[in-house]
């Protein structure tokens, strides 16, 4: 399977074909998923010291902490798929 990479912030990229869920980090089920992933060493923090605005669950079991809200990530995905800038 070929990975399609999209910039996520100034310093990182994400494989968009591996994304299952983009969620608000404040719900209890997402907090539990982050906690479990942290225990298993599967958390990727892409905030670079900033605030976690969304959580992205990948099909590999990894959990990505992102500095943009879910709406902005979805908009970036849409723009990226249409060939625009992110």
N, C-alpha and C. Protein backbone atom coordinates (compact mmCIF):
# COMPACT_ATOMS: atom_id res chain seq x y z
N UNK A 1 0.85 -1.18 0.00
CA UNK A 1 0.00 0.00 0.00
C UNK A 1 0.89 1.24 0.00
N UNK A 2 0.61 2.16 -0.89
CA UNK A 2 1.35 3.41 -1.00
C UNK A 2 0.76 4.43 -0.03
N UNK A 3 1.62 5.09 0.74
CA UNK A 3 1.16 6.11 1.68
C UNK A 3 1.12 7.47 1.00
N UNK A 4 0.03 8.17 1.22
CA UNK A 4 -0.11 9.55 0.75
C UNK A 4 0.16 10.44 1.96
N UNK A 5 1.19 11.27 1.86
CA UNK A 5 1.60 12.11 2.98
C UNK A 5 1.10 13.54 2.81
N UNK A 6 0.54 14.08 3.88
CA UNK A 6 0.04 15.45 3.90
C UNK A 6 0.74 16.19 5.03
N UNK A 7 1.19 17.42 4.79
CA UNK A 7 1.79 18.20 5.88
C UNK A 7 0.80 18.41 7.02
N UNK A 8 1.28 18.25 8.23
CA UNK A 8 0.47 18.51 9.42
C UNK A 8 1.30 19.43 10.30
N UNK A 9 1.13 20.70 10.11
CA UNK A 9 1.94 21.67 10.82
C UNK A 9 3.20 21.94 10.04
N UNK A 10 4.08 22.72 10.63
CA UNK A 10 5.30 23.14 9.94
C UNK A 10 6.37 22.06 9.91
N UNK A 11 6.28 21.10 10.82
CA UNK A 11 7.39 20.17 10.98
C UNK A 11 7.03 18.69 10.81
N UNK A 12 5.84 18.37 10.36
CA UNK A 12 5.48 16.97 10.27
C UNK A 12 4.51 16.68 9.15
N UNK A 13 4.39 15.39 8.84
CA UNK A 13 3.45 14.92 7.84
C UNK A 13 2.67 13.74 8.42
N UNK A 14 1.54 13.45 7.81
CA UNK A 14 0.73 12.32 8.25
C UNK A 14 0.30 11.52 7.03
N UNK A 15 0.23 10.21 7.18
CA UNK A 15 -0.23 9.34 6.09
C UNK A 15 -1.75 9.37 6.09
N UNK A 16 -2.32 10.10 5.14
CA UNK A 16 -3.76 10.33 5.15
C UNK A 16 -4.57 9.05 4.91
N UNK A 17 -4.01 8.09 4.20
CA UNK A 17 -4.75 6.86 3.95
C UNK A 17 -4.77 5.94 5.16
N UNK A 18 -4.13 6.32 6.25
CA UNK A 18 -4.14 5.53 7.49
C UNK A 18 -5.07 6.11 8.55
N UNK A 19 -5.66 7.29 8.28
CA UNK A 19 -6.52 7.97 9.26
C UNK A 19 -7.87 7.27 9.35
N UNK A 20 -8.27 6.94 10.59
CA UNK A 20 -9.59 6.37 10.86
C UNK A 20 -10.53 7.41 11.46
N UNK A 21 -10.00 8.21 12.39
CA UNK A 21 -10.84 9.14 13.15
C UNK A 21 -10.06 10.43 13.41
N UNK A 22 -10.76 11.55 13.30
CA UNK A 22 -10.24 12.84 13.76
C UNK A 22 -11.24 13.31 14.80
N UNK A 23 -10.78 13.49 16.05
CA UNK A 23 -11.72 13.75 17.13
C UNK A 23 -11.25 14.87 18.06
N UNK A 24 -12.21 15.40 18.79
CA UNK A 24 -11.97 16.38 19.84
C UNK A 24 -11.26 15.65 20.99
N UNK A 25 -10.21 16.23 21.56
CA UNK A 25 -9.46 15.53 22.61
C UNK A 25 -10.12 15.52 23.98
N UNK A 26 -11.28 16.18 24.12
CA UNK A 26 -11.88 16.34 25.44
C UNK A 26 -12.93 15.30 25.80
N UNK A 27 -13.30 14.43 24.88
CA UNK A 27 -14.31 13.41 25.21
C UNK A 27 -13.66 12.27 25.99
N UNK A 28 -14.42 11.66 26.87
CA UNK A 28 -13.89 10.58 27.71
C UNK A 28 -13.36 9.40 26.90
N UNK A 29 -14.07 8.92 25.86
CA UNK A 29 -13.53 7.79 25.09
C UNK A 29 -12.20 8.11 24.40
N UNK A 30 -12.05 9.33 23.92
CA UNK A 30 -10.79 9.71 23.27
C UNK A 30 -9.68 9.84 24.31
N UNK A 31 -10.00 10.38 25.48
CA UNK A 31 -9.01 10.46 26.55
C UNK A 31 -8.53 9.06 26.94
N UNK A 32 -9.46 8.09 27.00
CA UNK A 32 -9.07 6.71 27.31
C UNK A 32 -8.19 6.12 26.22
N UNK A 33 -8.53 6.40 24.96
CA UNK A 33 -7.73 5.89 23.84
C UNK A 33 -6.31 6.46 23.89
N UNK A 34 -6.18 7.74 24.20
CA UNK A 34 -4.86 8.37 24.32
C UNK A 34 -4.09 7.74 25.47
N UNK A 35 -4.75 7.54 26.60
CA UNK A 35 -4.10 6.96 27.78
C UNK A 35 -3.58 5.55 27.46
N UNK A 36 -4.43 4.73 26.82
CA UNK A 36 -4.03 3.36 26.44
C UNK A 36 -2.85 3.38 25.46
N UNK A 37 -2.94 4.25 24.47
CA UNK A 37 -1.87 4.34 23.48
C UNK A 37 -0.56 4.82 24.11
N UNK A 38 -0.67 5.74 25.06
CA UNK A 38 0.53 6.23 25.76
C UNK A 38 1.20 5.08 26.52
N UNK A 39 0.40 4.24 27.18
CA UNK A 39 0.94 3.09 27.91
C UNK A 39 1.64 2.11 26.97
N UNK A 40 1.15 2.00 25.73
CA UNK A 40 1.71 1.07 24.75
C UNK A 40 2.80 1.71 23.89
N UNK A 41 3.10 2.98 24.12
CA UNK A 41 4.13 3.67 23.34
C UNK A 41 3.70 3.99 21.92
N UNK A 42 2.41 4.22 21.71
CA UNK A 42 1.88 4.46 20.38
C UNK A 42 1.39 5.89 20.16
N UNK A 43 1.76 6.81 21.04
CA UNK A 43 1.35 8.20 20.88
C UNK A 43 2.42 8.97 20.11
N UNK A 44 1.98 9.72 19.12
CA UNK A 44 2.87 10.60 18.35
C UNK A 44 2.38 12.02 18.60
N UNK A 45 3.19 12.80 19.30
CA UNK A 45 2.80 14.16 19.64
C UNK A 45 3.36 15.12 18.59
N UNK A 46 2.47 15.68 17.78
CA UNK A 46 2.88 16.60 16.72
C UNK A 46 2.55 18.06 17.06
N UNK A 47 2.36 18.34 18.35
CA UNK A 47 2.05 19.71 18.76
C UNK A 47 3.31 20.55 18.99
N UNK A 48 4.45 19.90 19.15
CA UNK A 48 5.72 20.58 19.38
C UNK A 48 5.62 21.56 20.55
N UNK A 49 5.02 21.07 21.64
CA UNK A 49 4.91 21.85 22.85
C UNK A 49 3.66 22.70 22.95
N UNK A 50 2.85 22.71 21.91
CA UNK A 50 1.62 23.49 21.93
C UNK A 50 0.46 22.70 22.51
N UNK A 51 -0.70 23.28 22.44
CA UNK A 51 -1.92 22.66 22.97
C UNK A 51 -2.45 21.60 22.00
N UNK A 52 -2.94 20.50 22.56
CA UNK A 52 -3.57 19.45 21.75
C UNK A 52 -4.98 19.91 21.41
N UNK A 53 -5.24 20.10 20.11
CA UNK A 53 -6.55 20.56 19.66
C UNK A 53 -7.38 19.42 19.06
N UNK A 54 -6.72 18.35 18.61
CA UNK A 54 -7.44 17.19 18.11
C UNK A 54 -6.58 15.95 18.25
N UNK A 55 -7.26 14.81 18.18
CA UNK A 55 -6.61 13.51 18.26
C UNK A 55 -6.97 12.75 16.99
N UNK A 56 -5.94 12.18 16.36
CA UNK A 56 -6.14 11.42 15.14
C UNK A 56 -5.79 9.97 15.43
N UNK A 57 -6.76 9.08 15.19
CA UNK A 57 -6.53 7.65 15.38
C UNK A 57 -6.19 7.03 14.04
N UNK A 58 -5.09 6.27 14.00
CA UNK A 58 -4.65 5.64 12.77
C UNK A 58 -4.95 4.14 12.78
N UNK A 59 -5.02 3.54 11.61
CA UNK A 59 -5.34 2.12 11.52
C UNK A 59 -4.24 1.22 12.09
N UNK A 60 -3.08 1.78 12.36
CA UNK A 60 -1.97 1.02 12.95
C UNK A 60 -2.07 0.94 14.48
N UNK A 61 -3.04 1.67 15.05
CA UNK A 61 -3.16 1.74 16.51
C UNK A 61 -2.48 2.96 17.09
N UNK A 62 -1.73 3.68 16.27
CA UNK A 62 -1.08 4.90 16.74
C UNK A 62 -2.12 6.01 16.94
N UNK A 63 -1.80 6.89 17.88
CA UNK A 63 -2.65 8.03 18.20
C UNK A 63 -1.81 9.28 18.02
N UNK A 64 -2.26 10.17 17.14
CA UNK A 64 -1.53 11.40 16.83
C UNK A 64 -2.21 12.56 17.54
N UNK A 65 -1.43 13.31 18.31
CA UNK A 65 -1.91 14.52 18.97
C UNK A 65 -1.57 15.69 18.05
N UNK A 66 -2.58 16.43 17.63
CA UNK A 66 -2.39 17.48 16.63
C UNK A 66 -2.69 18.86 17.19
N UNK A 67 -2.00 19.87 16.66
CA UNK A 67 -2.18 21.24 17.15
C UNK A 67 -3.34 22.00 16.51
N UNK A 68 -4.10 21.35 15.63
CA UNK A 68 -5.23 21.99 14.95
C UNK A 68 -6.51 21.29 15.34
N UNK A 69 -7.62 22.01 15.36
CA UNK A 69 -8.91 21.43 15.67
C UNK A 69 -9.37 20.47 14.59
N UNK A 70 -10.32 19.58 14.91
CA UNK A 70 -10.82 18.62 13.92
C UNK A 70 -11.32 19.29 12.64
N UNK A 71 -12.03 20.40 12.76
CA UNK A 71 -12.55 21.09 11.58
C UNK A 71 -11.44 21.56 10.66
N UNK A 72 -10.38 22.10 11.25
CA UNK A 72 -9.26 22.58 10.44
C UNK A 72 -8.52 21.42 9.78
N UNK A 73 -8.39 20.31 10.47
CA UNK A 73 -7.73 19.14 9.86
C UNK A 73 -8.55 18.61 8.69
N UNK A 74 -9.86 18.53 8.86
CA UNK A 74 -10.73 18.07 7.77
C UNK A 74 -10.62 19.03 6.59
N UNK A 75 -10.59 20.33 6.86
CA UNK A 75 -10.44 21.32 5.79
C UNK A 75 -9.10 21.16 5.08
N UNK A 76 -8.03 20.94 5.84
CA UNK A 76 -6.71 20.72 5.24
C UNK A 76 -6.70 19.46 4.39
N UNK A 77 -7.35 18.40 4.88
CA UNK A 77 -7.45 17.16 4.10
C UNK A 77 -8.18 17.41 2.79
N UNK A 78 -9.28 18.13 2.86
CA UNK A 78 -10.07 18.44 1.66
C UNK A 78 -9.24 19.25 0.67
N UNK A 79 -8.56 20.29 1.16
CA UNK A 79 -7.71 21.11 0.29
C UNK A 79 -6.58 20.29 -0.31
N UNK A 80 -5.98 19.44 0.50
CA UNK A 80 -4.86 18.61 0.02
C UNK A 80 -5.32 17.65 -1.06
N UNK A 81 -6.47 17.03 -0.85
CA UNK A 81 -7.00 16.10 -1.85
C UNK A 81 -7.34 16.79 -3.17
N UNK A 82 -7.75 18.06 -3.09
CA UNK A 82 -8.09 18.83 -4.29
C UNK A 82 -6.86 19.46 -4.93
N UNK A 83 -5.69 19.22 -4.32
CA UNK A 83 -4.46 19.73 -4.90
C UNK A 83 -4.08 21.13 -4.49
N UNK A 84 -4.79 21.67 -3.51
CA UNK A 84 -4.49 23.02 -3.04
C UNK A 84 -3.39 23.01 -2.01
N UNK A 85 -3.12 24.14 -1.43
CA UNK A 85 -2.09 24.24 -0.40
C UNK A 85 -2.72 23.98 0.96
N UNK A 86 -1.89 23.51 1.89
CA UNK A 86 -2.36 23.25 3.25
C UNK A 86 -1.81 24.26 4.21
